């Protein structure tokens, strides 16, 4: 469950990190099938609204939640974002393990806002004892050559880096299933 960062916005879907994840799972002989339920522009509220249907339809053993960027970019309530993410986590934890992926806002939001925003992910992961990836774009966030012209969406060249960041935490969940 994600937004444009997971929906391969502006690049071919098969070049996105979620498609690359399926390739890695296949190569490494994990039996899991990846369902990309990401939608560009999605907020935590939209994800929370759609999640139950996705869980019923696909019955996953692992749910990766990578939402919140659009909440922050639109200045939506952090309290509402936390509530929506928590609802998604609790609904998923009924039958699946959950990996929560954090995001940071662009620097122009300022350090105070960015710290408060990121703390939502950290606290939720700690409170719900989740597998946690602190920052989806870790390691290349300051390299403009790895972002599309909008400065927000990673290029195809950045997607393997995103997968590697997600994989560090995800692998422990996969090995437990």
C-alpha atoms as a PDB file:
ATOM      1  CA  UNK A   1       0.000   0.000   0.000  1.00  0.00           C
ATOM      2  CA  UNK A   2       1.709   3.139  -1.157  1.00  0.00           C
ATOM      3  CA  UNK A   3       1.635   6.335  -3.122  1.00  0.00           C
ATOM      4  CA  UNK A   4       3.458   7.525  -6.247  1.00  0.00           C
ATOM      5  CA  UNK A   5       6.837   6.587  -4.745  1.00  0.00           C
ATOM      6  CA  UNK A   6       5.720   2.945  -4.887  1.00  0.00           C
ATOM      7  CA  UNK A   7       3.462   3.218  -7.948  1.00  0.00           C
ATOM      8  CA  UNK A   8       6.421   3.953 -10.257  1.00  0.00           C
ATOM      9  CA  UNK A   9       5.219   7.462 -11.068  1.00  0.00           C
ATOM     10  CA  UNK A  10       6.849   8.819 -14.202  1.00  0.00           C
ATOM     11  CA  UNK A  11       8.708   5.616 -15.073  1.00  0.00           C
ATOM     12  CA  UNK A  12       7.762   2.264 -16.567  1.00  0.00           C
ATOM     13  CA  UNK A  13       5.976   0.136 -13.976  1.00  0.00           C
ATOM     14  CA  UNK A  14       8.389  -2.752 -14.481  1.00  0.00           C
ATOM     15  CA  UNK A  15      11.278  -0.437 -13.508  1.00  0.00           C
ATOM     16  CA  UNK A  16       9.699   0.523 -10.161  1.00  0.00           C
ATOM     17  CA  UNK A  17      11.012  -0.853  -6.882  1.00  0.00           C
ATOM     18  CA  UNK A  18       7.852  -2.903  -6.266  1.00  0.00           C
ATOM     19  CA  UNK A  19       8.235  -4.739  -9.578  1.00  0.00           C
ATOM     20  CA  UNK A  20      11.930  -5.188  -8.849  1.00  0.00           C
ATOM     21  CA  UNK A  21      10.925  -6.703  -5.511  1.00  0.00           C
ATOM     22  CA  UNK A  22       8.925  -9.406  -7.275  1.00  0.00           C
ATOM     23  CA  UNK A  23      11.922 -10.143  -9.484  1.00  0.00           C
ATOM     24  CA  UNK A  24      14.195 -10.470  -6.440  1.00  0.00           C
ATOM     25  CA  UNK A  25      11.730 -12.730  -4.641  1.00  0.00           C
ATOM     26  CA  UNK A  26      11.541 -14.989  -7.697  1.00  0.00           C
ATOM     27  CA  UNK A  27      15.315 -15.105  -8.179  1.00  0.00           C
ATOM     28  CA  UNK A  28      15.873 -15.878  -4.497  1.00  0.00           C
ATOM     29  CA  UNK A  29      13.117 -18.504  -4.596  1.00  0.00           C
ATOM     30  CA  UNK A  30      10.734 -16.932  -2.114  1.00  0.00           C
ATOM     31  CA  UNK A  31       7.178 -18.112  -2.831  1.00  0.00           C
ATOM     32  CA  UNK A  32       5.587 -14.707  -2.227  1.00  0.00           C
ATOM     33  CA  UNK A  33       3.626 -12.855  -4.878  1.00  0.00           C
ATOM     34  CA  UNK A  34       3.738  -9.064  -4.769  1.00  0.00           C
ATOM     35  CA  UNK A  35       0.505  -7.122  -5.209  1.00  0.00           C
ATOM     36  CA  UNK A  36       1.167  -3.441  -5.780  1.00  0.00           C
ATOM     37  CA  UNK A  37      -1.834  -1.612  -4.358  1.00  0.00           C
ATOM     38  CA  UNK A  38      -0.126   1.778  -4.649  1.00  0.00           C
ATOM     39  CA  UNK A  39      -1.833   4.775  -6.218  1.00  0.00           C
ATOM     40  CA  UNK A  40      -0.177   8.054  -7.153  1.00  0.00           C
ATOM     41  CA  UNK A  41      -1.514  10.859  -4.993  1.00  0.00           C
ATOM     42  CA  UNK A  42      -2.759   8.477  -2.274  1.00  0.00           C
ATOM     43  CA  UNK A  43      -2.983   9.746   1.294  1.00  0.00           C
ATOM     44  CA  UNK A  44      -3.111   7.693   4.463  1.00  0.00           C
ATOM     45  CA  UNK A  45      -6.880   8.270   4.534  1.00  0.00           C
ATOM     46  CA  UNK A  46      -7.309   6.822   1.055  1.00  0.00           C
ATOM     47  CA  UNK A  47      -5.124   3.852   1.948  1.00  0.00           C
ATOM     48  CA  UNK A  48      -7.092   3.209   5.118  1.00  0.00           C
ATOM     49  CA  UNK A  49     -10.323   3.305   3.111  1.00  0.00           C
ATOM     50  CA  UNK A  50      -9.041   0.810   0.520  1.00  0.00           C
ATOM     51  CA  UNK A  51      -7.086  -1.578   2.730  1.00  0.00           C
ATOM     52  CA  UNK A  52      -9.847  -3.879   3.982  1.00  0.00           C
ATOM     53  CA  UNK A  53     -10.907  -4.746   0.438  1.00  0.00           C
ATOM     54  CA  UNK A  54      -7.280  -5.405  -0.543  1.00  0.00           C
ATOM     55  CA  UNK A  55      -6.719  -7.668   2.480  1.00  0.00           C
ATOM     56  CA  UNK A  56      -9.888  -9.634   1.770  1.00  0.00           C
ATOM     57  CA  UNK A  57      -9.077  -9.988  -1.914  1.00  0.00           C
ATOM     58  CA  UNK A  58      -5.393 -10.949  -1.611  1.00  0.00           C
ATOM     59  CA  UNK A  59      -5.009 -12.381   1.935  1.00  0.00           C
ATOM     60  CA  UNK A  60      -1.349 -11.369   2.244  1.00  0.00           C
ATOM     61  CA  UNK A  61       1.105 -12.765   4.765  1.00  0.00           C
ATOM     62  CA  UNK A  62       3.079  -9.493   4.713  1.00  0.00           C
ATOM     63  CA  UNK A  63       1.757  -5.966   4.231  1.00  0.00           C
ATOM     64  CA  UNK A  64       4.116  -3.109   3.390  1.00  0.00           C
ATOM     65  CA  UNK A  65       2.686   0.302   4.219  1.00  0.00           C
ATOM     66  CA  UNK A  66       4.461   3.186   2.486  1.00  0.00           C
ATOM     67  CA  UNK A  67       2.036   6.081   2.841  1.00  0.00           C
ATOM     68  CA  UNK A  68       2.110   9.546   4.344  1.00  0.00           C
ATOM     69  CA  UNK A  69       4.128  11.602   1.866  1.00  0.00           C
ATOM     70  CA  UNK A  70       1.028  13.197   0.363  1.00  0.00           C
ATOM     71  CA  UNK A  71      -0.417  13.872   3.819  1.00  0.00           C
ATOM     72  CA  UNK A  72       2.719  15.862   4.611  1.00  0.00           C
ATOM     73  CA  UNK A  73       2.948  17.629   1.267  1.00  0.00           C
ATOM     74  CA  UNK A  74      -0.684  18.722   1.567  1.00  0.00           C
ATOM     75  CA  UNK A  75      -0.276  19.869   5.176  1.00  0.00           C
ATOM     76  CA  UNK A  76      -2.831  17.384   6.470  1.00  0.00           C
ATOM     77  CA  UNK A  77      -3.116  16.685  10.180  1.00  0.00           C
ATOM     78  CA  UNK A  78      -0.346  14.547  11.658  1.00  0.00           C
ATOM     79  CA  UNK A  79      -2.845  13.241  14.189  1.00  0.00           C
ATOM     80  CA  UNK A  80      -5.123  12.042  11.375  1.00  0.00           C
ATOM     81  CA  UNK A  81      -2.183  10.538   9.502  1.00  0.00           C
ATOM     82  CA  UNK A  82      -1.116   8.640  12.620  1.00  0.00           C
ATOM     83  CA  UNK A  83      -4.678   7.428  13.171  1.00  0.00           C
ATOM     84  CA  UNK A  84      -5.033   6.258   9.564  1.00  0.00           C
ATOM     85  CA  UNK A  85      -1.680   4.473   9.580  1.00  0.00           C
ATOM     86  CA  UNK A  86      -2.460   2.864  12.929  1.00  0.00           C
ATOM     87  CA  UNK A  87      -5.833   1.682  11.626  1.00  0.00           C
ATOM     88  CA  UNK A  88      -4.077   0.121   8.623  1.00  0.00           C
ATOM     89  CA  UNK A  89      -1.488  -1.564  10.822  1.00  0.00           C
ATOM     90  CA  UNK A  90      -4.065  -3.002  13.209  1.00  0.00           C
ATOM     91  CA  UNK A  91      -6.274  -4.255  10.393  1.00  0.00           C
ATOM     92  CA  UNK A  92      -3.291  -5.868   8.674  1.00  0.00           C
ATOM     93  CA  UNK A  93      -1.908  -7.439  11.845  1.00  0.00           C
ATOM     94  CA  UNK A  94      -4.985  -9.638  12.132  1.00  0.00           C
ATOM     95  CA  UNK A  95      -3.524 -12.050   9.570  1.00  0.00           C
ATOM     96  CA  UNK A  96      -0.236 -10.560   8.350  1.00  0.00           C
ATOM     97  CA  UNK A  97       3.055  -9.122   9.476  1.00  0.00           C
ATOM     98  CA  UNK A  98       3.551  -5.439   8.726  1.00  0.00           C
ATOM     99  CA  UNK A  99       6.481  -3.410   7.471  1.00  0.00           C
ATOM    100  CA  UNK A 100       6.062   0.320   7.905  1.00  0.00           C
ATOM    101  CA  UNK A 101       8.125   2.582   5.680  1.00  0.00           C
ATOM    102  CA  UNK A 102       8.845   6.132   6.768  1.00  0.00           C
ATOM    103  CA  UNK A 103       9.244   9.144   4.550  1.00  0.00           C
ATOM    104  CA  UNK A 104      10.607  12.628   5.041  1.00  0.00           C
ATOM    105  CA  UNK A 105       9.335  15.903   3.712  1.00  0.00           C
ATOM    106  CA  UNK A 106      11.396  18.134   1.417  1.00  0.00           C
ATOM    107  CA  UNK A 107      13.839  20.422   3.282  1.00  0.00           C
ATOM    108  CA  UNK A 108      11.759  23.535   2.575  1.00  0.00           C
ATOM    109  CA  UNK A 109       9.263  22.347   5.235  1.00  0.00           C
ATOM    110  CA  UNK A 110      11.952  23.027   7.845  1.00  0.00           C
ATOM    111  CA  UNK A 111      13.566  20.786  10.440  1.00  0.00           C
ATOM    112  CA  UNK A 112      10.858  21.226  13.090  1.00  0.00           C
ATOM    113  CA  UNK A 113       8.011  20.129  10.813  1.00  0.00           C
ATOM    114  CA  UNK A 114      10.106  17.341   9.323  1.00  0.00           C
ATOM    115  CA  UNK A 115      11.030  15.985  12.769  1.00  0.00           C
ATOM    116  CA  UNK A 116       7.414  15.985  13.938  1.00  0.00           C
ATOM    117  CA  UNK A 117       6.326  14.331  10.692  1.00  0.00           C
ATOM    118  CA  UNK A 118       8.974  11.600  10.836  1.00  0.00           C
ATOM    119  CA  UNK A 119       8.332  10.976  14.542  1.00  0.00           C
ATOM    120  CA  UNK A 120       4.830   9.728  13.635  1.00  0.00           C
ATOM    121  CA  UNK A 121       6.375   6.773  11.776  1.00  0.00           C
ATOM    122  CA  UNK A 122       8.988   6.075  14.450  1.00  0.00           C
ATOM    123  CA  UNK A 123       6.471   6.103  17.307  1.00  0.00           C
ATOM    124  CA  UNK A 124       3.928   3.969  15.484  1.00  0.00           C
ATOM    125  CA  UNK A 125       6.583   1.405  14.578  1.00  0.00           C
ATOM    126  CA  UNK A 126       7.757   1.284  18.182  1.00  0.00           C
ATOM    127  CA  UNK A 127       4.258   1.195  19.706  1.00  0.00           C
ATOM    128  CA  UNK A 128       3.051  -1.586  17.389  1.00  0.00           C
ATOM    129  CA  UNK A 129       6.420  -3.415  17.283  1.00  0.00           C
ATOM    130  CA  UNK A 130       6.605  -3.249  13.509  1.00  0.00           C
ATOM    131  CA  UNK A 131       9.348  -4.036  11.084  1.00  0.00           C
ATOM    132  CA  UNK A 132      10.401  -0.493  10.260  1.00  0.00           C
ATOM    133  CA  UNK A 133      12.286   1.115   7.410  1.00  0.00           C
ATOM    134  CA  UNK A 134      12.918   4.677   8.592  1.00  0.00           C
ATOM    135  CA  UNK A 135      13.345   6.360   5.221  1.00  0.00           C
ATOM    136  CA  UNK A 136      12.373   5.067   1.781  1.00  0.00           C
ATOM    137  CA  UNK A 137      14.810   7.326  -0.074  1.00  0.00           C
ATOM    138  CA  UNK A 138      17.753   6.746   2.263  1.00  0.00           C
ATOM    139  CA  UNK A 139      21.167   7.228   0.799  1.00  0.00           C
ATOM    140  CA  UNK A 140      20.320   9.213  -2.318  1.00  0.00           C
ATOM    141  CA  UNK A 141      17.938  11.918  -1.126  1.00  0.00           C
ATOM    142  CA  UNK A 142      20.532  14.602  -1.854  1.00  0.00           C
ATOM    143  CA  UNK A 143      21.472  13.399  -5.347  1.00  0.00           C
ATOM    144  CA  UNK A 144      19.385  15.369  -7.869  1.00  0.00           C
ATOM    145  CA  UNK A 145      20.496  13.071 -10.692  1.00  0.00           C
ATOM    146  CA  UNK A 146      18.362  10.306  -9.141  1.00  0.00           C
ATOM    147  CA  UNK A 147      15.162  12.358  -9.190  1.00  0.00           C
ATOM    148  CA  UNK A 148      12.817  13.299 -11.979  1.00  0.00           C
ATOM    149  CA  UNK A 149      12.423  16.949 -12.980  1.00  0.00           C
ATOM    150  CA  UNK A 150       9.878  17.538 -10.182  1.00  0.00           C
ATOM    151  CA  UNK A 151      12.561  16.829  -7.567  1.00  0.00           C
ATOM    152  CA  UNK A 152      10.216  14.514  -5.661  1.00  0.00           C
ATOM    153  CA  UNK A 153       9.944  11.286  -7.654  1.00  0.00           C
ATOM    154  CA  UNK A 154      12.953   8.995  -8.049  1.00  0.00           C
ATOM    155  CA  UNK A 155      14.158   7.974 -11.504  1.00  0.00           C
ATOM    156  CA  UNK A 156      14.343   4.400 -12.756  1.00  0.00           C
ATOM    157  CA  UNK A 157      18.034   4.425 -11.853  1.00  0.00           C
ATOM    158  CA  UNK A 158      17.117   5.062  -8.185  1.00  0.00           C
ATOM    159  CA  UNK A 159      14.627   2.185  -7.930  1.00  0.00           C
ATOM    160  CA  UNK A 160      17.185  -0.567  -7.142  1.00  0.00           C
ATOM    161  CA  UNK A 161      18.472   1.639  -4.313  1.00  0.00           C
ATOM    162  CA  UNK A 162      14.949   1.927  -2.919  1.00  0.00           C
ATOM    163  CA  UNK A 163      14.510  -1.839  -3.143  1.00  0.00           C
ATOM    164  CA  UNK A 164      17.771  -2.394  -1.269  1.00  0.00           C
ATOM    165  CA  UNK A 165      16.577  -0.051   1.491  1.00  0.00           C
ATOM    166  CA  UNK A 166      13.238  -1.855   1.808  1.00  0.00           C
ATOM    167  CA  UNK A 167      14.864  -5.292   1.540  1.00  0.00           C
ATOM    168  CA  UNK A 168      17.013  -4.857   4.665  1.00  0.00           C
ATOM    169  CA  UNK A 169      13.903  -4.934   6.862  1.00  0.00           C
ATOM    170  CA  UNK A 170      11.660  -7.034   4.638  1.00  0.00           C
ATOM    171  CA  UNK A 171      14.057  -9.969   4.494  1.00  0.00           C
ATOM    172  CA  UNK A 172      13.555 -10.718   8.189  1.00  0.00           C
ATOM    173  CA  UNK A 173       9.777 -10.886   7.642  1.00  0.00           C
ATOM    174  CA  UNK A 174      10.205 -13.143   4.622  1.00  0.00           C
ATOM    175  CA  UNK A 175      12.469 -15.502   6.523  1.00  0.00           C
ATOM    176  CA  UNK A 176       9.820 -15.868   9.243  1.00  0.00           C
ATOM    177  CA  UNK A 177       7.072 -16.907   6.808  1.00  0.00           C
END
